[in-house]
Amino acid sequence: QRWIHRMEESIGGVAADLLAFPARLAGTRAYRYLLRALKERQPPDCRADIHLVAPDYVDANPAERPVVERIFAAFCRAKEDQQKADAHLLPEGGWKKVLETSYAPLLCSWKENDLDLFHQFLTNFGAWHEPTGITESYLLRGIRHSPRRQLHFEQREMANAIHWWTMFESQGRQLDALSMPRFGNQCGVTVDGHFLSTDAVASDVDSRVIAGLVSDCPRPQLAELGGGYGRLVHFLSRHISTFRYLGFDLPECICCASYYLMLAFPEKRFLLYGEADWDSDVANEYDFVLLPSFELAKLPDQSVDLFLNENSLGVMLPDTCRYFVGEMCRGSRGIWHRNHEIRRNHLPQGNTTLVNSEYPIPKHDFIQRLRFPDVRRFIVGQSWTLDNDMYWYYFQRNVKL
């Protein structure tokens, strides 16, 4: 048996040498693609009941119309008022291009007052063919077109992540703890009949940590900048029985969050932009307050127990990033964010983005309590990777001042 193993190892080494030589000549990128392709061709050790879900577009549901009408009215108000906002609060760089292409139906629906087009986009934003910045639908659709890549994704990448969660994170919970509604025609996977987003494991881990940070608050006041369609707060709702959530984002993204969360939590009370003065005492009666990001300056000082951010600070122009970090610090008693530690994004204007150490969080006002790498970078794929640049930080306001 040992001799057979040595022979197999030798054959593998010779084959690798033969493949590596032309790949090296073709360049680093070709070499990396070769390694990925070989990994995708490795057969799974065993077949798990995991299946990729990347649906085609579906028709809008007329029963959703009352909800969609509220969202459309708030969106139109936000787009009108966005034109009056400070220039540094307007989308720039890569996000500007995404809005002009992927979110074109929303912009057209606003200009043409077309509620049907607006509803159709919200019905399918989770399966959109172009990158929206809030889901991975376009990547999953690409995987679906290659049976070999799909098998590798299902039986290696997702299977490993779910196995890790089952062994070390589930604590007796079943897979329904990772499931989520499919409003918006979401892409993802089914596992033993449960629908999961591709980052369900990491979202569960993150939400449990966040819930622990506010466990001493009877009804924590949470705020989030750039929360996408509401994935993180949806998972948080499973670990925090009652809370108040303020979501700040671009008007287009807030539409998706409003649609998803209002359908996912029909029993909750929602306040959308322009429906009432959200910074008054009246707003405390609502569970969810969803607003365009240019409204953040109205947030009362230290009114939020924890301010959340994933990724978006790391794609902003430097001055815009500094502004939003300053507003997050002013309005909160704690900050929890995940962004780039070293790598910078290069923006079309010629600027580069800020990294974590450059965020202007005042050291005399906030104490850094936690810093650790994002777990999702370690559990995806066949083996662990150390190529991880995304770090979580938790800052707590210094109450001794």
Protein backbone atom coordinates (compact mmCIF):
# COMPACT_ATOMS: atom_id res chain seq x y z
CA GLN A 1 0.00 0.00 0.00
CA ARG A 2 2.83 2.38 0.85
CA TRP A 3 4.51 1.61 -2.48
CA ILE A 4 1.29 2.39 -4.35
CA HIS A 5 0.97 5.72 -2.55
CA ARG A 6 4.56 6.65 -3.46
CA MET A 7 3.98 5.73 -7.10
CA GLU A 8 0.80 7.82 -7.21
CA GLU A 9 2.68 10.73 -5.65
CA SER A 10 5.45 10.44 -8.23
CA ILE A 11 2.98 10.32 -11.12
CA GLY A 12 1.24 13.38 -9.73
CA GLY A 13 4.54 15.22 -9.43
CA VAL A 14 5.57 14.45 -13.01
CA ALA A 15 2.16 15.50 -14.34
CA ALA A 16 2.36 18.74 -12.35
CA ASP A 17 5.79 19.52 -13.81
CA LEU A 18 4.50 18.96 -17.35
CA LEU A 19 1.53 21.24 -16.78
CA ALA A 20 3.40 23.89 -14.82
CA PHE A 21 6.05 24.66 -17.45
CA PRO A 22 3.76 26.05 -20.20
CA ALA A 23 1.55 27.71 -17.58
CA ARG A 24 4.54 29.61 -16.19
CA LEU A 25 5.44 30.78 -19.67
CA ALA A 26 1.88 32.07 -20.14
CA GLY A 27 2.11 34.21 -17.00
CA THR A 28 0.99 34.32 -13.39
CA ARG A 29 -2.69 34.71 -14.20
CA ALA A 30 -2.74 31.67 -16.52
CA TYR A 31 -0.94 29.66 -13.84
CA ARG A 32 -3.58 30.64 -11.29
CA TYR A 33 -6.41 29.72 -13.67
CA LEU A 34 -4.78 26.34 -14.28
CA LEU A 35 -4.65 25.59 -10.56
CA ARG A 36 -8.29 26.58 -10.17
CA ALA A 37 -9.33 24.43 -13.12
CA LEU A 38 -7.47 21.41 -11.74
CA LYS A 39 -9.09 21.87 -8.35
CA GLU A 40 -12.52 22.04 -9.98
CA ARG A 41 -11.85 18.71 -11.68
CA GLN A 42 -11.11 16.86 -8.45
CA PRO A 43 -14.03 14.52 -7.72
CA PRO A 44 -15.81 15.03 -4.37
CA ASP A 45 -15.17 12.57 -1.57
CA CYS A 46 -18.91 12.06 -1.18
CA ARG A 47 -22.05 13.63 -2.59
CA ALA A 48 -23.96 16.00 -0.32
CA ASP A 49 -27.53 17.06 -1.04
CA ILE A 50 -26.47 20.54 -2.20
CA HIS A 51 -27.79 22.13 -5.37
CA LEU A 52 -27.06 25.50 -6.94
CA VAL A 53 -30.06 27.82 -7.36
CA ALA A 54 -29.64 30.44 -10.10
CA PRO A 55 -33.14 31.08 -11.47
CA ASP A 56 -34.31 33.01 -14.48
CA TYR A 57 -36.43 36.12 -14.04
CA VAL A 58 -40.00 35.70 -12.80
CA ASP A 59 -43.11 37.87 -13.02
CA ALA A 60 -44.03 40.28 -10.24
CA ASN A 61 -46.64 39.24 -7.69
CA PRO A 62 -49.66 41.60 -7.73
CA ALA A 63 -50.29 40.87 -4.04
CA GLU A 64 -47.09 42.79 -3.22
CA ARG A 65 -48.37 45.98 -4.82
CA PRO A 66 -49.24 47.92 -1.63
CA VAL A 67 -45.74 47.35 -0.25
CA VAL A 68 -44.10 48.22 -3.57
CA GLU A 69 -46.11 51.43 -3.88
CA ARG A 70 -44.76 52.62 -0.52
CA ILE A 71 -41.21 51.80 -1.55
CA PHE A 72 -41.61 53.51 -4.92
CA ALA A 73 -42.90 56.71 -3.32
CA ALA A 74 -39.96 56.75 -0.89
CA PHE A 75 -37.51 56.06 -3.73
CA CYS A 76 -38.83 58.94 -5.84
CA ARG A 77 -38.55 61.31 -2.89
CA ALA A 78 -35.00 60.11 -2.20
CA LYS A 79 -33.88 60.57 -5.82
CA GLU A 80 -35.31 64.09 -5.91
CA ASP A 81 -33.61 65.07 -2.66
CA GLN A 82 -30.36 63.32 -3.59
CA GLN A 83 -29.81 65.92 -6.28
CA LYS A 84 -29.69 68.59 -3.56
CA ALA A 85 -27.20 66.70 -1.38
CA ASP A 86 -23.52 67.62 -1.05
CA ALA A 87 -21.47 66.45 -4.01
CA HIS A 88 -19.19 64.25 -1.88
CA LEU A 89 -22.25 62.21 -0.83
CA LEU A 90 -23.16 61.30 -4.39
CA PRO A 91 -22.05 57.89 -5.73
CA GLU A 92 -18.71 57.90 -7.52
CA GLY A 93 -16.18 55.40 -8.80
CA GLY A 94 -17.25 51.83 -9.41
CA TRP A 95 -20.60 52.30 -7.69
CA LYS A 96 -21.61 55.05 -10.08
CA LYS A 97 -21.12 52.70 -13.01
CA VAL A 98 -23.03 49.90 -11.25
CA LEU A 99 -25.97 52.22 -10.65
CA GLU A 100 -26.00 53.38 -14.26
CA THR A 101 -25.97 49.83 -15.65
CA SER A 102 -27.33 47.22 -13.23
CA TYR A 103 -29.84 49.56 -11.57
CA ALA A 104 -30.90 51.21 -14.83
CA PRO A 105 -34.49 49.88 -14.53
CA LEU A 106 -34.91 51.68 -11.20
CA LEU A 107 -33.60 54.95 -12.61
CA CYS A 108 -35.85 54.58 -15.65
CA SER A 109 -38.88 53.79 -13.49
CA TRP A 110 -38.28 56.98 -11.50
CA LYS A 111 -37.91 59.17 -14.57
CA GLU A 112 -40.87 57.58 -16.37
CA ASN A 113 -43.03 57.07 -13.25
CA ASP A 114 -43.24 53.38 -14.20
CA LEU A 115 -44.35 51.36 -11.18
CA ASP A 116 -44.52 48.11 -13.18
CA LEU A 117 -40.85 48.33 -14.20
CA PHE A 118 -39.90 49.21 -10.62
CA HIS A 119 -41.78 46.20 -9.24
CA GLN A 120 -40.28 43.86 -11.84
CA PHE A 121 -36.74 44.83 -10.85
CA LEU A 122 -37.40 44.34 -7.13
CA THR A 123 -38.96 40.96 -7.89
CA ASN A 124 -35.70 39.81 -9.52
CA PHE A 125 -32.85 41.82 -7.99
CA GLY A 126 -31.52 38.65 -6.33
CA ALA A 127 -31.13 36.94 -9.72
CA TRP A 128 -29.97 39.96 -11.73
CA HIS A 129 -27.69 39.22 -14.67
CA GLU A 130 -25.36 42.15 -13.98
CA PRO A 131 -23.43 42.77 -10.74
CA THR A 132 -25.54 44.78 -8.29
CA GLY A 133 -22.99 45.00 -5.48
CA ILE A 134 -25.42 43.44 -2.98
CA THR A 135 -25.73 39.83 -4.22
CA GLU A 136 -23.52 37.33 -6.05
CA SER A 137 -26.17 36.43 -8.62
CA TYR A 138 -24.04 37.18 -11.67
CA LEU A 139 -21.23 34.96 -10.35
CA LEU A 140 -23.58 32.09 -9.58
CA ARG A 141 -25.17 32.35 -13.00
CA GLY A 142 -21.71 31.99 -14.51
CA ILE A 143 -21.03 28.90 -12.41
CA ARG A 144 -24.34 27.39 -13.54
CA HIS A 145 -23.17 27.39 -17.17
CA SER A 146 -20.29 25.00 -16.38
CA PRO A 147 -21.35 21.60 -14.97
CA ARG A 148 -17.81 20.99 -13.71
CA ARG A 149 -17.60 24.32 -11.89
CA GLN A 150 -21.09 23.83 -10.50
CA LEU A 151 -20.19 20.42 -9.08
CA HIS A 152 -17.04 21.82 -7.50
CA PHE A 153 -18.94 24.76 -6.04
CA GLU A 154 -21.65 22.54 -4.58
CA GLN A 155 -19.61 19.61 -3.33
CA ARG A 156 -16.36 21.33 -2.36
CA GLU A 157 -16.87 24.99 -1.54
CA MET A 158 -20.39 24.97 -0.08
CA ALA A 159 -20.13 21.47 1.35
CA ASN A 160 -16.95 22.36 3.25
CA ALA A 161 -18.44 25.56 4.65
CA ILE A 162 -21.61 23.79 5.79
CA HIS A 163 -19.60 20.92 7.28
CA TRP A 164 -17.50 23.42 9.25
CA TRP A 165 -20.66 25.12 10.55
CA THR A 166 -22.26 21.81 11.51
CA MET A 167 -19.18 20.67 13.40
CA PHE A 168 -18.15 23.85 15.18
CA GLU A 169 -20.85 26.53 15.02
CA SER A 170 -24.27 24.91 14.97
CA GLN A 171 -24.34 24.07 18.71
CA GLY A 172 -27.21 21.68 18.15
CA ARG A 173 -29.08 23.89 15.69
CA GLN A 174 -30.41 22.44 12.45
CA LEU A 175 -29.84 23.76 8.93
CA ASP A 176 -32.96 25.89 9.07
CA ALA A 177 -30.88 28.25 11.23
CA LEU A 178 -29.03 29.15 8.01
CA SER A 179 -32.08 29.36 5.77
CA MET A 180 -33.58 32.59 4.50
CA PRO A 181 -36.58 33.73 2.42
CA ARG A 182 -36.12 34.07 -1.33
CA PHE A 183 -37.86 37.42 -1.80
CA GLY A 184 -36.22 39.10 -4.77
CA ASN A 185 -35.76 35.74 -6.53
CA GLN A 186 -32.53 35.09 -4.66
CA CYS A 187 -29.69 32.93 -5.96
CA GLY A 188 -27.95 30.52 -3.61
CA VAL A 189 -28.07 26.80 -2.83
CA THR A 190 -30.52 24.30 -1.42
CA VAL A 191 -29.14 22.01 1.27
CA ASP A 192 -31.38 19.14 2.31
CA GLY A 193 -34.32 21.20 1.10
CA HIS A 194 -33.33 24.44 2.87
CA PHE A 195 -32.49 27.54 0.81
CA LEU A 196 -29.22 29.22 1.85
CA SER A 197 -27.36 32.23 0.52
CA THR A 198 -23.74 31.57 -0.35
CA ASP A 199 -22.57 33.53 2.71
CA ALA A 200 -25.14 32.14 5.15
CA VAL A 201 -22.47 30.47 7.28
CA ALA A 202 -20.45 33.66 7.69
CA SER A 203 -23.60 35.73 8.27
CA ASP A 204 -24.64 33.43 11.09
CA VAL A 205 -21.19 33.63 12.70
CA ASP A 206 -21.09 37.43 12.40
CA SER A 207 -24.61 37.93 13.73
CA ARG A 208 -23.94 35.80 16.81
CA VAL A 209 -20.87 37.88 17.63
CA ILE A 210 -22.77 41.14 17.12
CA ALA A 211 -25.66 39.94 19.26
CA GLY A 212 -23.21 39.30 22.09
CA LEU A 213 -21.89 42.85 21.90
CA VAL A 214 -25.34 44.33 22.62
CA SER A 215 -26.63 41.59 24.91
CA ASP A 216 -26.86 44.05 27.82
CA CYS A 217 -29.32 46.28 25.92
CA PRO A 218 -33.03 45.42 26.38
CA ARG A 219 -33.88 46.84 22.93
CA PRO A 220 -30.61 47.66 21.16
CA GLN A 221 -30.55 50.51 18.68
CA LEU A 222 -28.65 49.26 15.62
CA ALA A 223 -27.63 51.22 12.55
CA GLU A 224 -25.96 50.04 9.37
CA LEU A 225 -24.30 51.87 6.51
CA GLY A 226 -24.43 50.02 3.20
CA GLY A 227 -26.43 47.03 4.40
CA GLY A 228 -27.33 45.77 0.93
CA TYR A 229 -30.68 44.01 0.82
CA GLY A 230 -30.74 43.31 4.58
CA ARG A 231 -28.95 39.97 4.81
CA LEU A 232 -27.06 40.71 8.03
CA VAL A 233 -30.00 42.20 9.92
CA HIS A 234 -32.12 39.23 8.86
CA PHE A 235 -29.66 36.89 10.58
CA LEU A 236 -29.39 39.23 13.55
CA SER A 237 -33.14 38.91 14.09
CA ARG A 238 -32.59 35.26 15.04
CA HIS A 239 -30.25 36.16 17.88
CA ILE A 240 -31.79 39.41 19.16
CA SER A 241 -35.45 39.12 20.12
CA THR A 242 -36.26 42.82 19.86
CA PHE A 243 -34.29 45.73 18.40
CA ARG A 244 -34.59 48.92 16.37
CA TYR A 245 -32.75 49.09 13.07
CA LEU A 246 -31.76 52.16 11.05
CA GLY A 247 -30.49 51.38 7.56
CA PHE A 248 -28.59 54.00 5.53
CA ASP A 249 -27.64 53.32 1.92
CA LEU A 250 -27.90 54.55 -1.65
CA PRO A 251 -31.57 55.01 -2.67
CA GLU A 252 -31.37 52.11 -5.12
CA CYS A 253 -30.04 49.69 -2.51
CA ILE A 254 -32.49 50.91 0.13
CA CYS A 255 -35.28 49.92 -2.29
CA CYS A 256 -34.02 46.33 -2.33
CA ALA A 257 -33.64 46.28 1.46
CA SER A 258 -37.12 47.72 1.95
CA TYR A 259 -38.65 45.15 -0.38
CA TYR A 260 -36.85 42.18 1.14
CA LEU A 261 -37.27 43.12 4.80
CA MET A 262 -40.89 44.29 4.54
CA LEU A 263 -41.87 40.98 2.97
CA ALA A 264 -39.70 38.95 5.36
CA PHE A 265 -41.06 40.72 8.47
CA PRO A 266 -44.69 41.64 7.70
CA GLU A 267 -45.46 41.93 11.42
CA LYS A 268 -42.81 44.62 12.00
CA ARG A 269 -43.34 48.38 11.77
CA PHE A 270 -41.44 50.12 8.95
CA LEU A 271 -40.75 53.79 8.35
CA LEU A 272 -39.56 54.74 4.86
CA TYR A 273 -38.02 57.98 3.68
CA GLY A 274 -40.44 60.89 3.67
CA GLU A 275 -43.25 59.14 5.53
CA ALA A 276 -42.50 60.93 8.84
CA ASP A 277 -39.72 62.81 10.64
CA TRP A 278 -37.49 59.87 11.40
CA ASP A 279 -35.23 61.80 13.80
CA SER A 280 -38.13 62.63 16.13
CA ASP A 281 -39.52 60.65 19.07
CA VAL A 282 -42.20 59.28 16.75
CA ALA A 283 -39.58 57.20 14.94
CA ASN A 284 -38.90 55.21 18.11
CA GLU A 285 -42.23 53.49 17.54
CA TYR A 286 -40.84 51.77 14.42
CA ASP A 287 -38.76 48.60 14.26
CA PHE A 288 -37.10 49.43 10.91
CA VAL A 289 -36.22 52.88 9.59
CA LEU A 290 -34.77 52.74 6.06
CA LEU A 291 -33.19 55.89 4.64
CA PRO A 292 -30.87 57.26 1.96
CA SER A 293 -27.34 57.73 3.27
CA PHE A 294 -27.41 61.52 2.87
CA GLU A 295 -29.81 61.56 5.85
CA LEU A 296 -27.12 60.29 8.23
CA ALA A 297 -26.21 63.81 9.38
CA LYS A 298 -29.60 64.00 11.15
CA LEU A 299 -28.80 61.06 13.41
CA PRO A 300 -28.77 62.33 17.03
CA ASP A 301 -25.44 62.15 18.87
CA GLN A 302 -24.67 58.80 20.53
CA SER A 303 -28.19 57.54 19.83
CA VAL A 304 -27.12 54.18 18.39
CA ASP A 305 -25.76 51.31 20.47
CA LEU A 306 -23.85 49.77 17.56
CA PHE A 307 -23.14 51.01 14.03
CA LEU A 308 -22.41 48.30 11.44
CA ASN A 309 -20.58 48.38 8.12
CA GLU A 310 -19.43 45.66 5.74
CA ASN A 311 -17.15 46.52 2.81
CA SER A 312 -18.65 49.82 1.68
CA LEU A 313 -16.20 52.12 3.48
CA GLY A 314 -13.44 50.40 1.53
CA VAL A 315 -14.85 51.38 -1.87
CA MET A 316 -15.51 55.08 -1.22
CA LEU A 317 -13.52 58.12 -2.21
CA PRO A 318 -11.19 59.04 0.68
CA ASP A 319 -13.05 62.22 1.66
CA THR A 320 -16.41 60.45 1.48
CA CYS A 321 -15.10 57.64 3.65
CA ARG A 322 -13.80 60.10 6.24
CA TYR A 323 -17.17 61.84 6.32
CA PHE A 324 -19.17 58.67 6.92
CA VAL A 325 -16.73 57.35 9.53
CA GLY A 326 -17.04 60.67 11.34
CA GLU A 327 -20.84 60.47 11.28
CA MET A 328 -20.78 56.87 12.50
CA CYS A 329 -18.54 57.90 15.41
CA ARG A 330 -20.68 60.91 16.28
CA GLY A 331 -23.95 59.02 16.33
CA SER A 332 -22.98 55.78 18.05
CA ARG A 333 -21.68 54.18 21.22
CA GLY A 334 -19.98 51.39 19.29
CA ILE A 335 -18.73 50.59 15.77
CA TRP A 336 -18.42 47.17 14.17
CA HIS A 337 -16.98 47.11 10.66
CA ARG A 338 -15.21 44.87 8.16
CA ASN A 339 -13.05 46.35 5.43
CA HIS A 340 -9.66 46.04 3.74
CA GLU A 341 -6.60 45.83 5.95
CA ILE A 342 -3.88 46.42 3.32
CA ARG A 343 -5.22 46.28 -0.23
CA ARG A 344 -6.61 49.44 -1.74
CA ASN A 345 -9.14 49.80 -4.52
CA HIS A 346 -8.04 52.03 -7.39
CA LEU A 347 -10.83 54.41 -8.36
CA PRO A 348 -11.49 55.86 -11.84
CA GLN A 349 -10.67 59.36 -10.58
CA GLY A 350 -7.09 58.21 -9.94
CA ASN A 351 -7.59 58.01 -6.17
CA THR A 352 -7.09 54.97 -4.00
CA THR A 353 -9.37 53.99 -1.15
CA LEU A 354 -8.50 54.09 2.54
CA VAL A 355 -7.62 50.99 4.56
CA ASN A 356 -8.70 50.16 8.10
CA SER A 357 -5.80 51.88 9.86
CA GLU A 358 -6.62 55.17 8.10
CA TYR A 359 -10.24 55.47 9.21
CA PRO A 360 -10.49 58.57 11.44
CA ILE A 361 -11.92 56.88 14.53
CA PRO A 362 -10.79 59.13 17.44
CA LYS A 363 -8.71 57.11 19.90
CA HIS A 364 -9.65 59.33 22.83
CA ASP A 365 -13.37 58.64 22.21
CA PHE A 366 -13.26 54.98 21.19
CA ILE A 367 -11.37 51.95 22.49
CA GLN A 368 -10.54 49.13 20.07
CA ARG A 369 -11.89 45.97 21.69
CA LEU A 370 -11.63 43.43 18.87
CA ARG A 371 -9.74 42.85 15.65
CA PHE A 372 -9.82 39.55 13.77
CA PRO A 373 -9.82 38.25 10.17
CA ASP A 374 -13.09 37.53 8.40
CA VAL A 375 -13.92 33.86 8.90
CA ARG A 376 -15.50 33.41 5.46
CA ARG A 377 -12.10 33.77 3.81
CA PHE A 378 -10.88 30.69 5.66
CA ILE A 379 -13.68 28.17 5.26
CA VAL A 380 -14.51 28.42 1.55
CA GLY A 381 -12.95 25.97 -0.87
CA GLN A 382 -11.17 22.68 -0.41
CA SER A 383 -8.45 23.95 1.90
CA TRP A 384 -7.70 26.90 4.13
CA THR A 385 -6.21 30.01 2.61
CA LEU A 386 -4.07 32.69 4.20
CA ASP A 387 -4.79 35.19 1.42
CA ASN A 388 -7.18 37.17 3.61
CA ASP A 389 -7.23 40.95 3.66
CA MET A 390 -10.65 41.55 5.26
CA TYR A 391 -10.69 42.22 9.01
CA TRP A 392 -13.44 42.87 11.53
CA TYR A 393 -13.01 45.67 14.06
CA TYR A 394 -15.06 46.52 17.12
CA PHE A 395 -14.69 49.93 18.76
CA GLN A 396 -16.48 50.84 21.99
CA ARG A 397 -17.05 54.40 23.11
CA ASN A 398 -14.90 55.40 26.08
CA VAL A 399 -17.49 56.12 28.77
CA LYS A 400 -14.85 57.22 31.30
CA LEU A 401 -14.35 60.57 29.59
